[in-house]
Amino acid sequence: MLTIIALVVAVLFLAAPWSFLLVAVAALVDIGELGAFVWWSRRRRRRGPPEVGVEALVGRRGTALARLTPGIPEAVGQVRVGGEIWGARTAVAIERGSSIVVRRVDGLVLEVDPVWPG
C-alpha cells in the first residue's frame, strides 16, 4: 500500500531524482513489513502442537446446562465446553449454571468436577 501511495506522490509532485528515491524507499519498507509479518505468523504457528481430539478437552472449563446428579450411571446431564454441548456425569452434585472442569472423556460423555472457588 505504501508503495502505491509513493508512486502517486512521485508521479504528481516530485522531480526525477527524488521520485525514484521515494519509490525505492517505499518498496523497501513494504518488503520489510511483509518479511516481518511472515516471520511473526510462522513463529506464532510453531508455539505448540494443535490441540485436537479427546485429550484437548481434559482440563478445560465449562458450564453446567442442567443439574448433574451423581450416583446414577445412566443419568447424563449436559454441559457446555468450548461452545459445544456435551453429555456429562459427575461424582458430586453440580447445580445448573455452575462452572465445571473436565476430568475424563468416556466416549461422548464427559466426566466433570465442579470448579471450587478460591
Protein backbone atom coordinates (compact mmCIF):
# COMPACT_ATOMS: atom_id res chain seq x y z
CA MET A 1 0.00 0.00 0.00
CA LEU A 2 2.81 2.37 0.89
CA THR A 3 4.44 1.76 -2.50
CA ILE A 4 1.25 2.74 -4.35
CA ILE A 5 0.96 5.97 -2.36
CA ALA A 6 4.64 6.69 -3.02
CA LEU A 7 4.14 6.13 -6.76
CA VAL A 8 1.22 8.58 -6.87
CA VAL A 9 3.15 11.22 -4.91
CA ALA A 10 6.29 10.69 -7.02
CA VAL A 11 4.47 11.00 -10.33
CA LEU A 12 2.36 14.01 -9.38
CA PHE A 13 4.61 16.11 -7.15
CA LEU A 14 8.32 15.24 -7.26
CA ALA A 15 11.12 15.83 -9.73
CA ALA A 16 13.07 12.97 -11.33
CA PRO A 17 15.80 12.05 -8.80
CA TRP A 18 13.54 12.36 -5.73
CA SER A 19 10.67 10.40 -7.22
CA PHE A 20 12.88 7.34 -7.83
CA LEU A 21 14.29 7.57 -4.32
CA LEU A 22 10.81 7.82 -2.76
CA VAL A 23 9.51 4.79 -4.67
CA ALA A 24 12.62 2.73 -3.79
CA VAL A 25 12.38 3.55 -0.07
CA ALA A 26 8.64 2.81 -0.01
CA ALA A 27 9.22 -0.53 -1.75
CA LEU A 28 11.92 -1.45 0.78
CA VAL A 29 9.62 -0.58 3.67
CA ASP A 30 6.83 -2.71 2.14
CA ILE A 31 9.22 -5.65 1.69
CA GLY A 32 10.39 -5.25 5.29
CA GLU A 33 6.81 -5.22 6.57
CA LEU A 34 5.99 -8.34 4.56
CA GLY A 35 9.07 -10.12 5.91
CA ALA A 36 8.21 -9.17 9.49
CA PHE A 37 4.64 -10.40 9.05
CA VAL A 38 5.75 -13.75 7.59
CA TRP A 39 8.27 -14.21 10.43
CA TRP A 40 5.65 -13.35 13.07
CA SER A 41 2.97 -15.64 11.62
CA ARG A 42 5.37 -18.61 11.35
CA ARG A 43 6.58 -18.06 14.90
CA ARG A 44 3.02 -17.88 16.17
CA ARG A 45 2.09 -21.15 14.43
CA ARG A 46 5.04 -23.02 15.95
CA ARG A 47 4.16 -22.23 19.58
CA GLY A 48 2.83 -25.68 20.25
CA PRO A 49 1.08 -28.61 18.73
CA PRO A 50 -2.52 -28.01 17.77
CA GLU A 51 -4.98 -29.26 20.33
CA VAL A 52 -7.39 -31.67 18.71
CA GLY A 53 -9.17 -34.79 19.80
CA VAL A 54 -10.25 -36.04 23.18
CA GLU A 55 -7.08 -35.05 25.02
CA ALA A 56 -7.79 -31.40 24.23
CA LEU A 57 -10.96 -31.50 26.36
CA VAL A 58 -9.36 -32.74 29.59
CA GLY A 59 -8.73 -29.79 31.91
CA ARG A 60 -10.97 -27.38 30.03
CA ARG A 61 -13.62 -25.43 31.87
CA GLY A 62 -17.27 -25.10 31.03
CA THR A 63 -20.75 -24.52 32.42
CA ALA A 64 -23.41 -26.97 33.58
CA LEU A 65 -26.56 -26.54 31.48
CA ALA A 66 -28.63 -28.81 33.72
CA ARG A 67 -28.28 -30.13 37.26
CA LEU A 68 -25.81 -33.01 37.34
CA THR A 69 -26.72 -35.76 39.80
CA PRO A 70 -24.11 -38.30 40.93
CA GLY A 71 -24.62 -41.97 41.63
CA ILE A 72 -26.80 -42.97 38.68
CA PRO A 73 -24.56 -44.32 35.89
CA GLU A 74 -27.15 -43.86 33.13
CA ALA A 75 -28.07 -40.32 34.24
CA VAL A 76 -26.33 -37.92 31.92
CA GLY A 77 -26.65 -34.15 32.27
CA GLN A 78 -25.45 -31.53 29.81
CA VAL A 79 -22.50 -29.14 29.94
CA ARG A 80 -21.13 -26.53 27.55
CA VAL A 81 -17.39 -26.74 26.97
CA GLY A 82 -15.74 -24.55 24.35
CA GLY A 83 -19.06 -23.62 22.75
CA GLU A 84 -20.14 -27.26 22.34
CA ILE A 85 -22.79 -29.11 24.32
CA TRP A 86 -21.68 -32.45 25.78
CA GLY A 87 -23.30 -35.11 27.93
CA ALA A 88 -21.72 -35.24 31.38
CA ARG A 89 -21.50 -37.33 34.54
CA THR A 90 -20.14 -36.32 37.92
CA ALA A 91 -19.27 -37.78 41.32
CA VAL A 92 -20.54 -34.65 43.12
CA ALA A 93 -23.86 -32.84 42.65
CA ILE A 94 -23.46 -29.79 40.42
CA GLU A 95 -26.16 -27.16 40.05
CA ARG A 96 -27.24 -25.63 36.75
CA GLY A 97 -25.05 -22.66 35.75
CA SER A 98 -22.09 -23.78 37.87
CA SER A 99 -18.56 -23.84 36.47
CA ILE A 100 -17.13 -27.27 35.77
CA VAL A 101 -13.79 -28.74 34.72
CA VAL A 102 -13.42 -31.84 32.53
CA ARG A 103 -11.54 -34.69 34.24
CA ARG A 104 -12.02 -37.55 31.77
CA VAL A 105 -13.72 -38.38 28.48
CA ASP A 106 -15.71 -41.60 28.09
CA GLY A 107 -16.93 -41.78 24.50
CA LEU A 108 -19.31 -38.85 24.04
CA VAL A 109 -19.79 -38.33 27.78
CA LEU A 110 -17.51 -36.11 29.85
CA GLU A 111 -16.73 -36.85 33.48
CA VAL A 112 -16.65 -33.49 35.21
CA ASP A 113 -15.97 -31.94 38.61
CA PRO A 114 -17.16 -28.60 39.94
CA VAL A 115 -14.75 -25.67 39.99
CA TRP A 116 -14.39 -24.76 43.63
CA PRO A 117 -13.99 -21.03 44.35
CA GLY A 118 -10.62 -19.89 45.54
